C-alpha atoms as a PDB file:
ATOM      1  CA  MET A   1      33.466 -10.145  40.057  1.00  0.00           C
ATOM      2  CA  SER A   2      32.332  -7.418  37.778  1.00  0.00           C
ATOM      3  CA  THR A   3      32.959  -7.509  34.108  1.00  0.00           C
ATOM      4  CA  PRO A   4      35.332  -5.090  32.752  1.00  0.00           C
ATOM      5  CA  ALA A   5      33.932  -2.077  30.771  1.00  0.00           C
ATOM      6  CA  VAL A   6      34.646  -2.448  26.987  1.00  0.00           C
ATOM      7  CA  LEU A   7      34.538   0.358  24.369  1.00  0.00           C
ATOM      8  CA  ASN A   8      32.750  -0.080  21.083  1.00  0.00           C
ATOM      9  CA  VAL A   9      35.184   0.953  18.376  1.00  0.00           C
ATOM     10  CA  GLY A  10      32.809  -0.071  15.528  1.00  0.00           C
ATOM     11  CA  PHE A  11      31.354  -3.151  13.885  1.00  0.00           C
ATOM     12  CA  TYR A  12      31.033  -5.068  17.018  1.00  0.00           C
ATOM     13  CA  ASN A  13      34.856  -4.752  18.005  1.00  0.00           C
ATOM     14  CA  TYR A  14      35.746  -3.771  21.438  1.00  0.00           C
ATOM     15  CA  VAL A  15      38.727  -2.641  23.575  1.00  0.00           C
ATOM     16  CA  MET A  16      38.850  -2.709  27.310  1.00  0.00           C
ATOM     17  CA  THR A  17      38.716   0.817  28.605  1.00  0.00           C
ATOM     18  CA  ASP A  18      41.256   0.081  31.183  1.00  0.00           C
ATOM     19  CA  LYS A  19      43.905  -0.423  28.506  1.00  0.00           C
ATOM     20  CA  ILE A  20      43.312   2.707  26.157  1.00  0.00           C
ATOM     21  CA  VAL A  21      45.976   5.338  26.794  1.00  0.00           C
ATOM     22  CA  ALA A  22      45.007   7.713  23.969  1.00  0.00           C
ATOM     23  CA  LEU A  23      42.464   8.468  21.381  1.00  0.00           C
ATOM     24  CA  VAL A  24      44.202  10.165  18.474  1.00  0.00           C
ATOM     25  CA  SER A  25      42.730  11.331  14.885  1.00  0.00           C
ATOM     26  CA  ALA A  26      44.530   9.351  11.959  1.00  0.00           C
ATOM     27  CA  ASP A  27      44.251  12.633   9.708  1.00  0.00           C
ATOM     28  CA  SER A  28      47.980  13.970  10.250  1.00  0.00           C
ATOM     29  CA  ALA A  29      50.782  13.076   7.925  1.00  0.00           C
ATOM     30  CA  PRO A  30      52.968  12.001  11.218  1.00  0.00           C
ATOM     31  CA  MET A  31      50.159   9.733  12.384  1.00  0.00           C
ATOM     32  CA  ARG A  32      49.815   8.042   9.163  1.00  0.00           C
ATOM     33  CA  ARG A  33      53.432   7.401   9.227  1.00  0.00           C
ATOM     34  CA  LEU A  34      53.433   5.999  12.387  1.00  0.00           C
ATOM     35  CA  VAL A  35      50.472   3.442  11.488  1.00  0.00           C
ATOM     36  CA  GLN A  36      52.482   2.451   8.436  1.00  0.00           C
ATOM     37  CA  SER A  37      55.608   1.817  10.406  1.00  0.00           C
ATOM     38  CA  LEU A  38      53.583  -0.067  13.088  1.00  0.00           C
ATOM     39  CA  ARG A  39      51.793  -2.068  10.379  1.00  0.00           C
ATOM     40  CA  LYS A  40      55.187  -3.290   9.112  1.00  0.00           C
ATOM     41  CA  SER A  41      56.060  -4.598  12.556  1.00  0.00           C
ATOM     42  CA  GLY A  42      52.786  -6.245  13.020  1.00  0.00           C
ATOM     43  CA  LYS A  43      51.710  -4.206  16.131  1.00  0.00           C
ATOM     44  CA  ILE A  44      48.516  -2.976  14.729  1.00  0.00           C
ATOM     45  CA  ILE A  45      44.905  -4.277  15.251  1.00  0.00           C
ATOM     46  CA  ASP A  46      42.770  -3.024  12.459  1.00  0.00           C
ATOM     47  CA  ALA A  47      39.106  -2.844  13.554  1.00  0.00           C
ATOM     48  CA  THR A  48      38.162  -0.653  10.796  1.00  0.00           C
ATOM     49  CA  GLN A  49      36.460  -3.601   8.742  1.00  0.00           C
ATOM     50  CA  GLY A  50      37.994  -2.138   5.297  1.00  0.00           C
ATOM     51  CA  ARG A  51      36.827   1.485   6.130  1.00  0.00           C
ATOM     52  CA  ARG A  52      38.833   4.700   6.150  1.00  0.00           C
ATOM     53  CA  THR A  53      40.597   4.806   9.336  1.00  0.00           C
ATOM     54  CA  LYS A  54      39.604   7.842  11.410  1.00  0.00           C
ATOM     55  CA  SER A  55      41.026   7.462  14.879  1.00  0.00           C
ATOM     56  CA  VAL A  56      44.125   5.526  16.485  1.00  0.00           C
ATOM     57  CA  LEU A  57      43.835   4.095  20.033  1.00  0.00           C
ATOM     58  CA  PHE A  58      46.812   3.614  21.958  1.00  0.00           C
ATOM     59  CA  THR A  59      47.110   1.073  24.548  1.00  0.00           C
ATOM     60  CA  THR A  60      49.094  -0.060  27.540  1.00  0.00           C
ATOM     61  CA  GLY A  61      50.545  -2.782  25.595  1.00  0.00           C
ATOM     62  CA  GLU A  62      52.196  -2.699  22.393  1.00  0.00           C
ATOM     63  CA  GLU A  63      49.203  -3.100  20.238  1.00  0.00           C
ATOM     64  CA  VAL A  64      47.436   0.005  18.590  1.00  0.00           C
ATOM     65  CA  VAL A  65      44.031  -0.225  17.266  1.00  0.00           C
ATOM     66  CA  LEU A  66      42.702   1.665  14.298  1.00  0.00           C
ATOM     67  CA  SER A  67      39.086   2.589  14.343  1.00  0.00           C
ATOM     68  CA  ALA A  68      36.435   3.792  11.577  1.00  0.00           C
ATOM     69  CA  ILE A  69      34.771   6.089  14.147  1.00  0.00           C
ATOM     70  CA  SER A  70      36.081   9.398  14.961  1.00  0.00           C
ATOM     71  CA  GLN A  71      38.017  10.292  18.094  1.00  0.00           C
ATOM     72  CA  GLU A  72      35.131  12.497  19.212  1.00  0.00           C
ATOM     73  CA  THR A  73      32.897  10.011  18.754  1.00  0.00           C
ATOM     74  CA  LEU A  74      34.949   7.504  20.965  1.00  0.00           C
ATOM     75  CA  ALA A  75      35.616   9.985  23.590  1.00  0.00           C
ATOM     76  CA  LYS A  76      32.144  10.763  23.948  1.00  0.00           C
ATOM     77  CA  ARG A  77      31.374   6.995  24.377  1.00  0.00           C
ATOM     78  CA  LEU A  78      33.803   6.752  27.079  1.00  0.00           C
ATOM     79  CA  ASN A  79      32.267   9.866  28.943  1.00  0.00           C
ATOM     80  CA  THR A  80      28.872   8.848  28.506  1.00  0.00           C
ATOM     81  CA  GLY A  81      29.405   5.169  29.688  1.00  0.00           C
ATOM     82  CA  GLU A  82      27.931   3.781  26.218  1.00  0.00           C
ATOM     83  CA  MET A  83      30.279   1.053  25.887  1.00  0.00           C
ATOM     84  CA  VAL A  84      28.324  -1.797  24.738  1.00  0.00           C
ATOM     85  CA  PRO A  85      25.279  -1.540  22.298  1.00  0.00           C
ATOM     86  CA  ASP A  86      22.028  -2.963  23.307  1.00  0.00           C
ATOM     87  CA  GLU A  87      21.736  -6.523  22.673  1.00  0.00           C
ATOM     88  CA  GLU A  88      18.259  -7.962  22.286  1.00  0.00           C
END
Protein backbone atom coordinates (compact mmCIF):
# COMPACT_ATOMS: atom_id res chain seq x y z
CA MET A 1 0.00 0.00 0.00
CA SER A 2 1.48 3.35 -1.01
CA THR A 3 1.93 6.25 1.37
CA PRO A 4 -0.52 9.12 0.78
CA ALA A 5 1.06 12.33 -0.52
CA VAL A 6 1.30 15.18 1.94
CA LEU A 7 2.01 18.88 1.44
CA ASN A 8 4.40 20.70 3.78
CA VAL A 9 2.48 23.83 4.86
CA GLY A 10 5.40 25.05 6.96
CA PHE A 11 7.19 24.29 10.20
CA TYR A 12 6.90 20.50 9.72
CA ASN A 13 3.11 20.65 9.45
CA TYR A 14 1.51 18.62 6.67
CA VAL A 15 -1.84 18.35 4.91
CA MET A 16 -2.87 15.36 2.83
CA THR A 17 -2.98 16.51 -0.79
CA ASP A 18 -6.13 14.55 -1.63
CA LYS A 19 -8.01 16.55 1.04
CA ILE A 20 -7.13 20.02 -0.33
CA VAL A 21 -9.96 21.78 -2.17
CA ALA A 22 -8.55 25.33 -2.48
CA LEU A 23 -5.51 27.46 -1.67
CA VAL A 24 -6.51 31.08 -1.03
CA SER A 25 -4.64 34.23 -0.05
CA ALA A 26 -5.47 35.48 3.44
CA ASP A 27 -4.93 39.14 2.53
CA SER A 28 -8.47 40.21 1.63
CA ALA A 29 -10.91 41.57 4.19
CA PRO A 30 -13.61 38.98 3.38
CA MET A 31 -11.12 36.15 3.90
CA ARG A 32 -10.00 37.63 7.24
CA ARG A 33 -13.64 37.86 8.36
CA LEU A 34 -14.25 34.25 7.30
CA VAL A 35 -11.17 33.07 9.20
CA GLN A 36 -12.31 34.95 12.33
CA SER A 37 -15.77 33.37 12.21
CA LEU A 38 -14.28 29.90 11.62
CA ARG A 39 -11.86 30.46 14.50
CA LYS A 40 -14.81 31.19 16.82
CA SER A 41 -16.54 27.99 15.71
CA GLY A 42 -13.36 25.91 16.26
CA LYS A 43 -12.92 24.80 12.66
CA ILE A 44 -9.43 26.31 12.21
CA ILE A 45 -6.18 24.34 12.23
CA ASP A 46 -3.48 26.96 12.76
CA ALA A 47 -0.16 25.83 11.25
CA THR A 48 1.44 29.30 11.31
CA GLN A 49 3.42 28.80 14.54
CA GLY A 50 2.50 32.35 15.58
CA ARG A 51 3.54 33.99 12.33
CA ARG A 52 1.42 36.07 9.97
CA THR A 53 -1.16 34.04 8.05
CA LYS A 54 -0.45 34.23 4.32
CA SER A 55 -2.68 31.48 2.96
CA VAL A 56 -5.81 29.54 3.82
CA LEU A 57 -6.27 25.92 2.75
CA PHE A 58 -9.81 24.65 2.46
CA THR A 59 -10.20 20.90 2.90
CA THR A 60 -12.86 18.37 1.98
CA GLY A 61 -13.87 18.20 5.64
CA GLU A 62 -15.04 21.07 7.81
CA GLU A 63 -11.51 22.07 8.79
CA VAL A 64 -9.62 25.02 7.34
CA VAL A 65 -5.82 25.16 7.63
CA LEU A 66 -3.90 28.42 8.07
CA SER A 67 -0.34 28.63 6.76
CA ALA A 68 2.44 31.20 7.00
CA ILE A 69 3.54 30.24 3.47
CA SER A 70 2.04 32.02 0.46
CA GLN A 71 -0.46 30.19 -1.71
CA GLU A 72 1.86 30.60 -4.72
CA THR A 73 4.61 28.69 -2.92
CA LEU A 74 2.18 26.00 -1.77
CA ALA A 75 0.79 25.64 -5.30
CA LYS A 76 4.32 25.32 -6.67
CA ARG A 77 5.06 22.59 -4.11
CA LEU A 78 1.91 20.74 -5.21
CA ASN A 79 2.78 21.03 -8.91
CA THR A 80 6.44 20.08 -8.61
CA GLY A 81 5.83 17.24 -6.18
CA GLU A 82 7.92 18.87 -3.43
CA MET A 83 5.78 17.46 -0.66
CA VAL A 84 8.05 16.38 2.16
CA PRO A 85 11.44 17.97 2.91
CA ASP A 86 14.47 15.73 2.73
CA GLU A 87 15.04 14.02 6.03
CA GLU A 88 18.48 12.70 6.76
